[in-house]
Amino acid sequence: MLRSSEAYVRRLLLSRRLYGVKVGPVWAIHPEDLESFMRLRRPPGRPKTSESAGQEAEMRAHINTERASAGTGSSLRRPGRVRKKPQARA
């Protein structure tokens, strides 16, 4: 159900992020506890990109249009300089 290794589930049980009862050499996990853990757990893998990147580009275009129509020229603050990463010396 969790699609995880036994070692990971054991670590979850020992750290009490997942609740269970040790019965002899095995762990017993109540179905309700497993369901609640799965609801709170984020899906594995890299998080998906949000739609805010597209909205940010639209907002930047809108701001640039407003600046051009206002005719204020250089009196408005420009975006900061993007610094380059230092290169390794040979």
C-alpha atoms as a PDB file:
ATOM      1  CA  MET A   1       0.000   0.000   0.000  1.00  0.00           C
ATOM      2  CA  LEU A   2       2.768   2.464   0.854  1.00  0.00           C
ATOM      3  CA  ARG A   3       5.016   1.407  -2.041  1.00  0.00           C
ATOM      4  CA  SER A   4       7.983   1.708   0.311  1.00  0.00           C
ATOM      5  CA  SER A   5      10.716  -0.584   1.532  1.00  0.00           C
ATOM      6  CA  GLU A   6      10.417  -2.538   4.762  1.00  0.00           C
ATOM      7  CA  ALA A   7      13.335  -0.578   6.211  1.00  0.00           C
ATOM      8  CA  TYR A   8      11.565   2.753   5.568  1.00  0.00           C
ATOM      9  CA  VAL A   9       8.331   1.527   7.168  1.00  0.00           C
ATOM     10  CA  ARG A  10      10.325   0.219  10.139  1.00  0.00           C
ATOM     11  CA  ARG A  11      11.970   3.659  10.530  1.00  0.00           C
ATOM     12  CA  LEU A  12       8.539   5.315  10.404  1.00  0.00           C
ATOM     13  CA  LEU A  13       7.282   2.984  13.115  1.00  0.00           C
ATOM     14  CA  LEU A  14      10.324   3.517  15.345  1.00  0.00           C
ATOM     15  CA  SER A  15      10.153   7.311  14.968  1.00  0.00           C
ATOM     16  CA  ARG A  16       6.374   7.150  15.644  1.00  0.00           C
ATOM     17  CA  ARG A  17       5.446   8.928  12.426  1.00  0.00           C
ATOM     18  CA  LEU A  18       3.418   5.802  11.669  1.00  0.00           C
ATOM     19  CA  TYR A  19       1.683   4.067  14.545  1.00  0.00           C
ATOM     20  CA  GLY A  20       1.741   0.321  15.032  1.00  0.00           C
ATOM     21  CA  VAL A  21       2.057  -2.424  17.631  1.00  0.00           C
ATOM     22  CA  LYS A  22       4.948  -4.855  17.669  1.00  0.00           C
ATOM     23  CA  VAL A  23       3.636  -8.415  17.973  1.00  0.00           C
ATOM     24  CA  GLY A  24       6.627 -10.710  18.306  1.00  0.00           C
ATOM     25  CA  PRO A  25       9.020 -10.110  15.398  1.00  0.00           C
ATOM     26  CA  VAL A  26       6.434  -8.299  13.214  1.00  0.00           C
ATOM     27  CA  TRP A  27       4.578  -5.004  13.367  1.00  0.00           C
ATOM     28  CA  ALA A  28       0.785  -4.716  13.251  1.00  0.00           C
ATOM     29  CA  ILE A  29      -0.537  -1.465  11.785  1.00  0.00           C
ATOM     30  CA  HIS A  30      -4.200  -0.529  12.123  1.00  0.00           C
ATOM     31  CA  PRO A  31      -5.830   0.281   8.752  1.00  0.00           C
ATOM     32  CA  GLU A  32      -7.096   3.636  10.095  1.00  0.00           C
ATOM     33  CA  ASP A  33      -3.558   4.655  11.080  1.00  0.00           C
ATOM     34  CA  LEU A  34      -2.232   3.676   7.667  1.00  0.00           C
ATOM     35  CA  GLU A  35      -4.963   5.672   5.892  1.00  0.00           C
ATOM     36  CA  SER A  36      -4.333   8.772   8.012  1.00  0.00           C
ATOM     37  CA  PHE A  37      -0.577   8.520   7.360  1.00  0.00           C
ATOM     38  CA  MET A  38      -1.151   8.209   3.612  1.00  0.00           C
ATOM     39  CA  ARG A  39      -3.395  11.294   3.634  1.00  0.00           C
ATOM     40  CA  LEU A  40      -0.692  13.382   5.306  1.00  0.00           C
ATOM     41  CA  ARG A  41       2.242  12.030   3.303  1.00  0.00           C
ATOM     42  CA  ARG A  42       3.290  13.986   0.251  1.00  0.00           C
ATOM     43  CA  PRO A  43       3.662  11.920  -2.927  1.00  0.00           C
ATOM     44  CA  PRO A  44       7.167  10.596  -3.595  1.00  0.00           C
ATOM     45  CA  GLY A  45       9.398  12.239  -6.176  1.00  0.00           C
ATOM     46  CA  ARG A  46      10.079  15.786  -7.194  1.00  0.00           C
ATOM     47  CA  PRO A  47       7.241  18.242  -6.497  1.00  0.00           C
ATOM     48  CA  LYS A  48       5.355  19.372  -9.570  1.00  0.00           C
ATOM     49  CA  THR A  49       5.880  22.941 -10.722  1.00  0.00           C
ATOM     50  CA  SER A  50       3.066  25.248  -9.829  1.00  0.00           C
ATOM     51  CA  GLU A  51       1.133  27.446 -12.211  1.00  0.00           C
ATOM     52  CA  SER A  52       2.544  30.525 -10.490  1.00  0.00           C
ATOM     53  CA  ALA A  53       5.477  30.575 -12.930  1.00  0.00           C
ATOM     54  CA  GLY A  54       3.090  31.396 -15.790  1.00  0.00           C
ATOM     55  CA  GLN A  55       1.245  33.932 -13.671  1.00  0.00           C
ATOM     56  CA  GLU A  56       4.539  35.552 -12.705  1.00  0.00           C
ATOM     57  CA  ALA A  57       5.481  35.993 -16.366  1.00  0.00           C
ATOM     58  CA  GLU A  58       2.082  37.572 -17.075  1.00  0.00           C
ATOM     59  CA  MET A  59       2.485  39.932 -14.117  1.00  0.00           C
ATOM     60  CA  ARG A  60       6.007  40.926 -15.250  1.00  0.00           C
ATOM     61  CA  ALA A  61       4.664  41.691 -18.758  1.00  0.00           C
ATOM     62  CA  HIS A  62       1.838  43.765 -17.236  1.00  0.00           C
ATOM     63  CA  ILE A  63       4.298  45.730 -15.091  1.00  0.00           C
ATOM     64  CA  ASN A  64       6.535  46.416 -18.093  1.00  0.00           C
ATOM     65  CA  THR A  65       3.508  47.625 -20.094  1.00  0.00           C
ATOM     66  CA  GLU A  66       2.461  49.933 -17.244  1.00  0.00           C
ATOM     67  CA  ARG A  67       5.986  51.329 -16.968  1.00  0.00           C
ATOM     68  CA  ALA A  68       6.118  52.033 -20.695  1.00  0.00           C
ATOM     69  CA  SER A  69       2.717  53.767 -20.702  1.00  0.00           C
ATOM     70  CA  ALA A  70       3.578  55.849 -17.605  1.00  0.00           C
ATOM     71  CA  GLY A  71       6.571  57.365 -19.395  1.00  0.00           C
ATOM     72  CA  THR A  72       8.616  57.609 -16.224  1.00  0.00           C
ATOM     73  CA  GLY A  73      11.722  56.170 -17.857  1.00  0.00           C
ATOM     74  CA  SER A  74      14.626  55.564 -15.508  1.00  0.00           C
ATOM     75  CA  SER A  75      12.963  57.022 -12.390  1.00  0.00           C
ATOM     76  CA  LEU A  76      11.416  53.629 -11.576  1.00  0.00           C
ATOM     77  CA  ARG A  77      13.462  50.962  -9.873  1.00  0.00           C
ATOM     78  CA  ARG A  78      14.804  48.320 -12.217  1.00  0.00           C
ATOM     79  CA  PRO A  79      15.117  44.638 -11.317  1.00  0.00           C
ATOM     80  CA  GLY A  80      18.356  43.787  -9.520  1.00  0.00           C
ATOM     81  CA  ARG A  81      21.458  42.526 -11.238  1.00  0.00           C
ATOM     82  CA  VAL A  82      21.751  38.757 -11.577  1.00  0.00           C
ATOM     83  CA  ARG A  83      25.095  37.692 -10.151  1.00  0.00           C
ATOM     84  CA  LYS A  84      27.108  35.011 -11.865  1.00  0.00           C
ATOM     85  CA  LYS A  85      28.472  32.079  -9.900  1.00  0.00           C
ATOM     86  CA  PRO A  86      32.246  32.196  -9.404  1.00  0.00           C
ATOM     87  CA  GLN A  87      34.116  29.840 -11.691  1.00  0.00           C
ATOM     88  CA  ALA A  88      36.573  27.312 -10.310  1.00  0.00           C
ATOM     89  CA  ARG A  89      40.204  28.219 -10.826  1.00  0.00           C
ATOM     90  CA  ALA A  90      42.309  25.808 -12.824  1.00  0.00           C
END
